[in-house]
Amino acid sequence: MAQIRGREDLVGQITAEEWRAGRRTGLQSWLLTTKSREVAERVAELYQGEAMCAASVGGLYSRKLHAKGIAVIVAGVAHVRRRLVLENEWDLAHACDGSKSLPTMPDEGKFCGHPGDSFERKVAARSGAGSTPYVELVFRLAVAPELGELSFQSSSWQFYESLESISHEEESAGGPAQMELVLREQRLATRSGLDVSFTYPEVCSVRRLPVTKAGLHLAA
């Protein structure tokens, strides 16, 4: 189970992607992976989940979640990691925030030279010459915060852009905020006349939450 560096205390991970034929492909449902049977059963109960296999594999439990939206509580900006990355066959070749290179890169702080236009960025990424999104969130489920912290990771352009468009709202909140993770479906007609569809995640409806004396983040 992939984890954000330094966050081995996470109880599980939710994703909307899988590796298929050497590339990430969107799923039509959320996928929960956890080491805890209790977490797997509770989340499946909350979000109409079903087991991916009869028993745990490698000590992990996987559940497909059929809810379209998941309300999550993010403690602050430190729990959101949004960047563009370019990998080669050996290592991470580049990481930036869309304008400047990020720490640990040899050219840290320098302008990265990425196109400012979203369409041009995507064209460069598809050709292998440009970076692709990589977003990580650490959160608690709004309906069951007592289960502990989970992570969500995505390489979707739509998710990256939706988070980018509301980042100022989260930053202005300054503390815990509630977000809604949703799955969208888009249908397109190809040049040959075939109808195709794909699913992608988005984040929406950010709002600030109060903090109790006990330090718990409560949804109103």
Protein backbone atom coordinates (compact mmCIF):
# COMPACT_ATOMS: atom_id res chain seq x y z
CA MET A 1 0.00 0.00 0.00
CA ALA A 2 1.58 3.25 -1.11
CA GLN A 3 1.91 5.90 1.59
CA ILE A 4 2.93 9.51 1.82
CA ARG A 5 6.51 9.69 3.03
CA GLY A 6 6.66 10.00 6.80
CA ARG A 7 3.01 8.95 7.23
CA GLU A 8 3.30 5.28 8.14
CA ASP A 9 0.50 5.89 10.69
CA LEU A 10 -2.12 6.06 7.93
CA VAL A 11 -4.82 3.43 8.36
CA GLY A 12 -5.46 3.04 4.66
CA GLN A 13 -5.67 4.52 1.18
CA ILE A 14 -8.53 5.38 -1.15
CA THR A 15 -7.90 5.73 -4.87
CA ALA A 16 -9.82 5.97 -8.12
CA GLU A 17 -7.05 4.58 -10.35
CA GLU A 18 -5.26 1.35 -11.12
CA TRP A 19 -2.19 0.35 -13.12
CA ARG A 20 -3.18 -1.23 -16.42
CA ALA A 21 -0.78 -2.01 -19.29
CA GLY A 22 1.93 0.14 -17.72
CA ARG A 23 -0.21 3.24 -17.19
CA ARG A 24 -2.69 4.63 -14.66
CA THR A 25 -6.32 4.14 -15.64
CA GLY A 26 -9.39 5.62 -13.97
CA LEU A 27 -11.82 3.37 -12.09
CA GLN A 28 -15.60 3.68 -12.03
CA SER A 29 -15.65 3.21 -8.25
CA TRP A 30 -13.47 4.20 -5.31
CA LEU A 31 -11.04 1.54 -4.09
CA LEU A 32 -10.12 1.29 -0.39
CA THR A 33 -6.99 -0.59 0.68
CA THR A 34 -6.24 -1.04 4.38
CA LYS A 35 -4.41 -3.29 6.82
CA SER A 36 -7.33 -3.12 9.26
CA ARG A 37 -10.31 -5.43 8.92
CA GLU A 38 -12.28 -3.11 11.20
CA VAL A 39 -11.63 -0.12 8.92
CA ALA A 40 -12.46 -2.16 5.81
CA GLU A 41 -15.78 -3.35 7.22
CA ARG A 42 -16.79 0.02 8.64
CA VAL A 43 -16.00 1.98 5.46
CA ALA A 44 -17.74 -0.65 3.34
CA GLU A 45 -20.81 -0.27 5.55
CA LEU A 46 -20.77 3.52 5.14
CA TYR A 47 -20.18 3.61 1.39
CA GLN A 48 -21.94 0.54 -0.01
CA GLY A 49 -18.71 -1.39 -0.33
CA GLU A 50 -17.99 -4.89 -1.52
CA ALA A 51 -14.94 -7.07 -0.99
CA MET A 52 -12.53 -7.40 -3.90
CA CYS A 53 -11.57 -10.91 -2.79
CA ALA A 54 -12.74 -13.48 -0.24
CA ALA A 55 -9.87 -12.85 2.18
CA SER A 56 -7.06 -10.39 2.70
CA VAL A 57 -4.07 -10.63 0.37
CA GLY A 58 -0.66 -9.84 1.82
CA GLY A 59 -2.28 -8.63 5.01
CA LEU A 60 -4.36 -6.04 3.10
CA TYR A 61 -8.11 -5.71 2.75
CA SER A 62 -9.59 -4.18 -0.40
CA ARG A 63 -13.10 -2.83 -0.80
CA LYS A 64 -14.82 -1.33 -3.83
CA LEU A 65 -16.94 1.65 -2.71
CA HIS A 66 -19.99 2.54 -4.79
CA ALA A 67 -20.73 6.00 -3.36
CA LYS A 68 -20.22 8.81 -5.88
CA GLY A 69 -19.09 11.31 -3.24
CA ILE A 70 -16.98 11.06 -0.09
CA ALA A 71 -16.86 13.94 2.41
CA VAL A 72 -13.42 14.24 4.01
CA ILE A 73 -11.81 16.45 6.66
CA VAL A 74 -8.35 17.82 5.83
CA ALA A 75 -6.48 19.21 8.85
CA GLY A 76 -4.61 21.92 6.90
CA VAL A 77 -2.44 22.79 3.93
CA ALA A 78 0.36 20.52 5.21
CA HIS A 79 -1.95 17.58 4.44
CA VAL A 80 -2.22 18.51 0.75
CA ARG A 81 0.61 17.80 -1.67
CA ARG A 82 0.06 18.99 -5.24
CA ARG A 83 2.82 18.87 -7.84
CA LEU A 84 3.79 18.05 -11.42
CA VAL A 85 6.36 15.29 -11.86
CA LEU A 86 8.42 13.76 -14.65
CA GLU A 87 9.95 10.34 -14.11
CA ASN A 88 12.62 8.57 -16.11
CA GLU A 89 13.41 4.86 -16.00
CA TRP A 90 15.68 5.32 -12.99
CA ASP A 91 14.28 8.05 -10.77
CA LEU A 92 12.28 11.25 -10.41
CA ALA A 93 13.69 13.63 -13.02
CA HIS A 94 11.62 16.70 -12.21
CA ALA A 95 9.09 17.98 -9.65
CA CYS A 96 7.53 21.44 -9.65
CA ASP A 97 4.45 23.38 -8.60
CA GLY A 98 3.71 24.40 -12.18
CA SER A 99 6.03 27.38 -12.17
CA LYS A 100 9.06 26.64 -9.96
CA SER A 101 11.03 23.49 -9.16
CA LEU A 102 10.36 21.99 -5.75
CA PRO A 103 12.81 21.08 -2.96
CA THR A 104 15.15 18.08 -3.45
CA MET A 105 15.46 18.98 -7.16
CA PRO A 106 18.92 20.24 -8.32
CA ASP A 107 17.26 23.36 -9.75
CA GLU A 108 15.10 24.01 -6.66
CA GLY A 109 13.39 27.40 -6.73
CA LYS A 110 14.12 28.08 -10.40
CA PHE A 111 11.42 28.57 -13.03
CA CYS A 112 10.59 25.18 -14.49
CA GLY A 113 9.64 26.37 -17.99
CA HIS A 114 6.28 24.56 -18.07
CA PRO A 115 3.70 26.02 -20.45
CA GLY A 116 1.18 28.18 -18.63
CA ASP A 117 -1.64 26.93 -20.83
CA SER A 118 -3.36 23.78 -19.55
CA PHE A 119 -3.83 22.31 -23.05
CA GLU A 120 -0.13 22.70 -23.88
CA ARG A 121 0.82 21.07 -20.58
CA LYS A 122 -1.30 18.03 -21.37
CA VAL A 123 0.07 17.74 -24.91
CA ALA A 124 3.64 17.83 -23.54
CA ALA A 125 2.78 15.21 -20.93
CA ARG A 126 1.23 12.84 -23.50
CA SER A 127 4.35 13.10 -25.66
CA GLY A 128 6.57 12.23 -22.69
CA ALA A 129 8.28 15.63 -22.77
CA GLY A 130 6.25 17.21 -19.99
CA SER A 131 5.30 16.47 -16.40
CA THR A 132 2.11 14.82 -15.19
CA PRO A 133 0.09 15.58 -12.03
CA TYR A 134 0.66 13.84 -8.73
CA VAL A 135 -1.63 14.82 -5.86
CA GLU A 136 -1.74 13.43 -2.33
CA LEU A 137 -4.26 14.20 0.41
CA VAL A 138 -4.28 13.05 4.03
CA PHE A 139 -7.73 13.18 5.61
CA ARG A 140 -10.31 11.71 7.95
CA LEU A 141 -13.74 10.60 6.80
CA ALA A 142 -16.26 13.25 7.82
CA VAL A 143 -18.80 10.59 8.83
CA ALA A 144 -16.31 8.56 10.86
CA PRO A 145 -13.22 10.60 11.86
CA GLU A 146 -12.48 8.19 14.69
CA LEU A 147 -11.27 5.57 12.18
CA GLY A 148 -8.03 7.51 11.68
CA GLU A 149 -6.26 9.16 8.77
CA LEU A 150 -6.31 7.86 5.21
CA SER A 151 -4.64 9.08 2.04
CA PHE A 152 -5.87 9.73 -1.47
CA GLN A 153 -3.50 9.82 -4.44
CA SER A 154 -4.30 10.77 -8.02
CA SER A 155 -2.55 11.49 -11.32
CA SER A 156 -5.73 12.86 -12.92
CA TRP A 157 -5.48 16.24 -14.63
CA GLN A 158 -9.09 16.93 -13.69
CA PHE A 159 -8.38 16.31 -10.01
CA TYR A 160 -5.21 18.40 -10.12
CA GLU A 161 -7.02 21.32 -11.75
CA SER A 162 -10.06 21.13 -9.46
CA LEU A 163 -7.78 21.21 -6.41
CA GLU A 164 -5.77 24.05 -7.93
CA SER A 165 -8.91 26.10 -8.53
CA ILE A 166 -9.98 25.89 -4.87
CA SER A 167 -6.56 25.92 -3.22
CA HIS A 168 -6.94 29.58 -2.24
CA GLU A 169 -10.14 28.69 -0.35
CA GLU A 170 -8.34 26.01 1.63
CA GLU A 171 -5.37 28.28 2.34
CA SER A 172 -7.66 31.06 3.52
CA ALA A 173 -9.38 28.62 5.88
CA GLY A 174 -6.07 28.24 7.68
CA GLY A 175 -7.19 25.20 9.64
CA PRO A 176 -9.34 22.11 9.22
CA ALA A 177 -11.59 22.12 6.17
CA GLN A 178 -14.18 19.76 4.78
CA MET A 179 -13.93 18.75 1.14
CA GLU A 180 -16.10 16.61 -1.07
CA LEU A 181 -14.35 14.03 -3.26
CA VAL A 182 -16.60 13.10 -6.18
CA LEU A 183 -16.39 10.83 -9.22
CA ARG A 184 -17.42 12.33 -12.55
CA GLU A 185 -18.15 10.54 -15.81
CA GLN A 186 -17.45 12.12 -19.17
CA ARG A 187 -18.62 10.78 -22.53
CA LEU A 188 -16.89 11.61 -25.78
CA ALA A 189 -17.40 10.73 -29.43
CA THR A 190 -14.26 9.64 -31.29
CA ARG A 191 -13.48 10.62 -34.88
CA SER A 192 -14.58 7.15 -35.96
CA GLY A 193 -17.99 7.74 -34.40
CA LEU A 194 -17.57 5.51 -31.34
CA ASP A 195 -18.86 6.73 -27.98
CA VAL A 196 -16.35 6.33 -25.15
CA SER A 197 -16.55 7.29 -21.50
CA PHE A 198 -14.09 7.71 -18.67
CA THR A 199 -14.34 8.44 -14.96
CA TYR A 200 -12.21 10.87 -13.02
CA PRO A 201 -12.15 12.33 -9.48
CA GLU A 202 -12.71 15.96 -8.53
CA VAL A 203 -12.66 17.88 -5.27
CA CYS A 204 -15.29 20.49 -4.48
CA SER A 205 -17.18 22.36 -1.74
CA VAL A 206 -14.39 23.42 0.61
CA ARG A 207 -15.53 24.96 3.89
CA ARG A 208 -13.79 25.80 7.14
CA LEU A 209 -14.51 23.74 10.26
CA PRO A 210 -14.31 24.69 13.94
CA VAL A 211 -11.81 23.06 16.28
CA THR A 212 -13.00 21.80 19.66
CA LYS A 213 -11.05 22.12 22.90
CA ALA A 214 -10.11 18.46 22.51
CA GLY A 215 -8.58 19.22 19.12
CA LEU A 216 -11.19 17.31 17.14
CA HIS A 217 -12.29 18.61 13.76
CA LEU A 218 -16.05 18.63 13.65
CA ALA A 219 -18.37 18.97 10.68
CA ALA A 220 -21.29 21.29 11.29
